[in-house]
Every structure is written in C-alpha cells, then in structure tokens.
Amino acid sequence: MKKKSLLVLFVGISISVFAQKVTLSGSVKDSSQNPMSYANVNVKPKNVSKNLQFAITDNEGYYKLLLEKGDS
C-alpha cells in the first residue's frame, strides 16, 4: 500500500514538473516610438476561472511574463 501511494505521488509530481511554460516578453512604445515606463501589460486566460496575468514595464518599456502554454 505504501509503495502504491509513493508511486502515485511520484507520477503526480512528475506531471506537474513537465508542465510547459512560455515566456512572453517585449516592449511597449507610444505612437512616437518612445518607450513607455511603468505601463501595465495584461494577459487574459482562456479559462475564466484562472487569474489574470500581468506585468509592469521597467523604465525602458520592457516586460516579461511567464505563462503556462495554452492559457492565453
């Protein structure tokens, strides 16, 4: 019984470790191509029960988001 429990736990952990992640990064600029500092970047997931993902650009307009594949 203990061996079965450990096997199920190991398989569950293995599946969660192999969840695919995607990095979304870029920069935000205004219409004059100037970088926009501290702008909000939002990603709305396909599944409405999941949380909205967001990032705030740095002082040069760059952002980086780590998302699960297929979420957005």
N, C-alpha and C. Protein backbone atom coordinates (compact mmCIF):
# COMPACT_ATOMS: atom_id res chain seq x y z
N MET A 1 0.82 -1.20 0.00
CA MET A 1 0.00 0.00 0.00
C MET A 1 0.87 1.27 0.00
N LYS A 2 1.93 1.23 0.79
CA LYS A 2 2.81 2.38 0.87
C LYS A 2 3.51 2.62 -0.47
N LYS A 3 3.89 1.52 -1.15
CA LYS A 3 4.56 1.65 -2.44
C LYS A 3 3.63 2.26 -3.48
N LYS A 4 2.34 1.88 -3.45
CA LYS A 4 1.38 2.45 -4.40
C LYS A 4 1.21 3.94 -4.16
N SER A 5 1.15 4.33 -2.91
CA SER A 5 0.99 5.75 -2.57
C SER A 5 2.18 6.56 -3.05
N LEU A 6 3.37 6.02 -2.84
CA LEU A 6 4.58 6.71 -3.29
C LEU A 6 4.62 6.80 -4.81
N LEU A 7 4.20 5.75 -5.51
CA LEU A 7 4.19 5.76 -6.96
C LEU A 7 3.21 6.82 -7.48
N VAL A 8 2.03 6.89 -6.90
CA VAL A 8 1.04 7.89 -7.32
C VAL A 8 1.57 9.29 -7.05
N LEU A 9 2.19 9.51 -5.92
CA LEU A 9 2.77 10.81 -5.59
C LEU A 9 3.88 11.18 -6.58
N PHE A 10 4.75 10.23 -6.89
CA PHE A 10 5.84 10.48 -7.83
C PHE A 10 5.32 10.83 -9.22
N VAL A 11 4.32 10.10 -9.70
CA VAL A 11 3.74 10.38 -11.01
C VAL A 11 3.09 11.76 -11.02
N GLY A 12 2.37 12.11 -9.97
CA GLY A 12 1.73 13.43 -9.88
C GLY A 12 2.74 14.56 -9.91
N ILE A 13 3.83 14.39 -9.19
CA ILE A 13 4.87 15.42 -9.18
C ILE A 13 5.54 15.50 -10.54
N SER A 14 5.78 14.36 -11.18
CA SER A 14 6.42 14.35 -12.50
C SER A 14 5.59 15.09 -13.53
N ILE A 15 4.29 14.89 -13.49
CA ILE A 15 3.40 15.56 -14.45
C ILE A 15 3.44 17.07 -14.23
N SER A 16 3.41 17.51 -12.99
CA SER A 16 3.42 18.95 -12.74
C SER A 16 4.75 19.59 -13.10
N VAL A 17 5.85 18.85 -12.98
CA VAL A 17 7.16 19.37 -13.33
C VAL A 17 7.28 19.58 -14.84
N PHE A 18 6.63 18.72 -15.62
CA PHE A 18 6.73 18.82 -17.06
C PHE A 18 5.68 19.73 -17.69
N ALA A 19 4.95 20.49 -16.89
CA ALA A 19 4.00 21.45 -17.44
C ALA A 19 4.79 22.47 -18.25
N GLN A 20 4.31 22.74 -19.45
CA GLN A 20 5.06 23.61 -20.34
C GLN A 20 4.82 25.08 -20.00
N LYS A 21 5.90 25.81 -19.93
CA LYS A 21 5.85 27.24 -19.66
C LYS A 21 6.28 28.00 -20.91
N VAL A 22 5.72 29.17 -21.09
CA VAL A 22 6.05 30.03 -22.22
C VAL A 22 6.41 31.40 -21.67
N THR A 23 7.47 31.99 -22.18
CA THR A 23 7.86 33.34 -21.78
C THR A 23 7.38 34.31 -22.85
N LEU A 24 6.62 35.28 -22.43
CA LEU A 24 6.16 36.35 -23.31
C LEU A 24 6.89 37.61 -22.87
N SER A 25 7.65 38.20 -23.79
CA SER A 25 8.39 39.41 -23.44
C SER A 25 8.37 40.37 -24.61
N GLY A 26 8.63 41.61 -24.32
CA GLY A 26 8.66 42.62 -25.37
C GLY A 26 8.80 44.00 -24.77
N SER A 27 8.43 44.99 -25.57
CA SER A 27 8.49 46.36 -25.09
C SER A 27 7.22 47.09 -25.50
N VAL A 28 6.89 48.11 -24.74
CA VAL A 28 5.72 48.93 -25.02
C VAL A 28 6.20 50.32 -25.39
N LYS A 29 5.71 50.81 -26.55
CA LYS A 29 6.10 52.14 -27.01
C LYS A 29 4.86 52.94 -27.37
N ASP A 30 4.97 54.25 -27.30
CA ASP A 30 3.85 55.11 -27.70
C ASP A 30 3.88 55.33 -29.21
N SER A 31 2.98 56.16 -29.72
CA SER A 31 2.88 56.38 -31.17
C SER A 31 4.12 57.05 -31.77
N SER A 32 4.92 57.69 -30.93
CA SER A 32 6.18 58.31 -31.40
C SER A 32 7.38 57.39 -31.22
N GLN A 33 7.11 56.10 -30.88
CA GLN A 33 8.14 55.09 -30.67
C GLN A 33 9.02 55.35 -29.45
N ASN A 34 8.51 56.11 -28.48
CA ASN A 34 9.21 56.31 -27.21
C ASN A 34 8.79 55.21 -26.24
N PRO A 35 9.73 54.64 -25.49
CA PRO A 35 9.36 53.59 -24.54
C PRO A 35 8.44 54.13 -23.45
N MET A 36 7.45 53.31 -23.08
CA MET A 36 6.51 53.70 -22.03
C MET A 36 6.91 53.04 -20.71
N SER A 37 7.38 53.85 -19.78
CA SER A 37 7.80 53.37 -18.47
C SER A 37 6.60 53.04 -17.60
N TYR A 38 6.69 51.93 -16.87
CA TYR A 38 5.72 51.52 -15.86
C TYR A 38 4.29 51.35 -16.40
N ALA A 39 4.19 50.87 -17.65
CA ALA A 39 2.88 50.57 -18.24
C ALA A 39 2.46 49.16 -17.81
N ASN A 40 1.16 48.92 -17.69
CA ASN A 40 0.63 47.60 -17.36
C ASN A 40 0.42 46.77 -18.61
N VAL A 41 0.84 45.52 -18.57
CA VAL A 41 0.62 44.55 -19.65
C VAL A 41 -0.21 43.43 -19.04
N ASN A 42 -1.41 43.19 -19.58
CA ASN A 42 -2.32 42.18 -19.04
C ASN A 42 -2.52 41.05 -20.04
N VAL A 43 -2.63 39.83 -19.52
CA VAL A 43 -2.93 38.65 -20.33
C VAL A 43 -4.17 38.00 -19.74
N LYS A 44 -5.20 37.90 -20.55
CA LYS A 44 -6.45 37.30 -20.10
C LYS A 44 -6.45 35.82 -20.48
N PRO A 45 -6.58 34.91 -19.50
CA PRO A 45 -6.57 33.48 -19.81
C PRO A 45 -7.85 33.05 -20.51
N LYS A 46 -7.75 31.99 -21.32
CA LYS A 46 -8.93 31.44 -21.99
C LYS A 46 -9.93 30.92 -20.97
N ASN A 47 -9.43 30.27 -19.94
CA ASN A 47 -10.27 29.72 -18.89
C ASN A 47 -10.57 30.83 -17.88
N VAL A 48 -11.84 31.23 -17.77
CA VAL A 48 -12.20 32.36 -16.92
C VAL A 48 -12.00 32.08 -15.43
N SER A 49 -11.83 30.82 -15.05
CA SER A 49 -11.62 30.51 -13.64
C SER A 49 -10.17 30.76 -13.21
N LYS A 50 -9.28 30.97 -14.17
CA LYS A 50 -7.88 31.26 -13.84
C LYS A 50 -7.67 32.75 -13.68
N ASN A 51 -6.63 33.11 -12.97
CA ASN A 51 -6.34 34.51 -12.69
C ASN A 51 -5.73 35.24 -13.88
N LEU A 52 -6.00 36.52 -13.95
CA LEU A 52 -5.39 37.40 -14.95
C LEU A 52 -3.91 37.51 -14.64
N GLN A 53 -3.07 37.43 -15.67
CA GLN A 53 -1.63 37.58 -15.50
C GLN A 53 -1.24 38.99 -15.94
N PHE A 54 -0.29 39.58 -15.24
CA PHE A 54 0.12 40.93 -15.62
C PHE A 54 1.58 41.17 -15.32
N ALA A 55 2.11 42.17 -15.98
CA ALA A 55 3.48 42.64 -15.73
C ALA A 55 3.47 44.15 -15.86
N ILE A 56 4.45 44.77 -15.27
CA ILE A 56 4.63 46.22 -15.37
C ILE A 56 5.97 46.46 -16.06
N THR A 57 5.96 47.30 -17.07
CA THR A 57 7.20 47.56 -17.80
C THR A 57 8.22 48.28 -16.91
N ASP A 58 9.48 48.08 -17.23
CA ASP A 58 10.53 48.78 -16.49
C ASP A 58 10.66 50.21 -17.02
N ASN A 59 11.66 50.93 -16.59
CA ASN A 59 11.79 52.34 -17.00
C ASN A 59 12.20 52.48 -18.47
N GLU A 60 12.52 51.37 -19.15
CA GLU A 60 12.81 51.42 -20.59
C GLU A 60 11.71 50.77 -21.42
N GLY A 61 10.59 50.44 -20.80
CA GLY A 61 9.43 49.91 -21.52
C GLY A 61 9.41 48.41 -21.74
N TYR A 62 10.36 47.66 -21.17
CA TYR A 62 10.41 46.22 -21.37
C TYR A 62 9.61 45.47 -20.30
N TYR A 63 9.01 44.34 -20.70
CA TYR A 63 8.27 43.49 -19.76
C TYR A 63 8.59 42.03 -20.06
N LYS A 64 8.25 41.15 -19.10
CA LYS A 64 8.46 39.72 -19.26
C LYS A 64 7.40 39.00 -18.43
N LEU A 65 6.68 38.06 -19.06
CA LEU A 65 5.66 37.26 -18.40
C LEU A 65 5.97 35.79 -18.57
N LEU A 66 5.78 34.99 -17.52
CA LEU A 66 5.93 33.54 -17.59
C LEU A 66 4.52 32.95 -17.52
N LEU A 67 4.10 32.29 -18.60
CA LEU A 67 2.74 31.77 -18.73
C LEU A 67 2.76 30.27 -18.96
N GLU A 68 1.65 29.61 -18.65
CA GLU A 68 1.51 28.19 -18.98
C GLU A 68 1.01 28.10 -20.42
N LYS A 69 1.56 27.16 -21.17
CA LYS A 69 1.20 27.01 -22.58
C LYS A 69 -0.29 26.69 -22.71
N GLY A 70 -0.96 27.41 -23.61
CA GLY A 70 -2.37 27.18 -23.86
C GLY A 70 -3.30 28.01 -22.99
N ASP A 71 -2.76 28.78 -22.05
CA ASP A 71 -3.60 29.60 -21.17
C ASP A 71 -4.17 30.82 -21.85
N SER A 72 -3.41 31.41 -22.76
CA SER A 72 -3.86 32.67 -23.34
C SER A 72 -3.95 32.60 -24.84
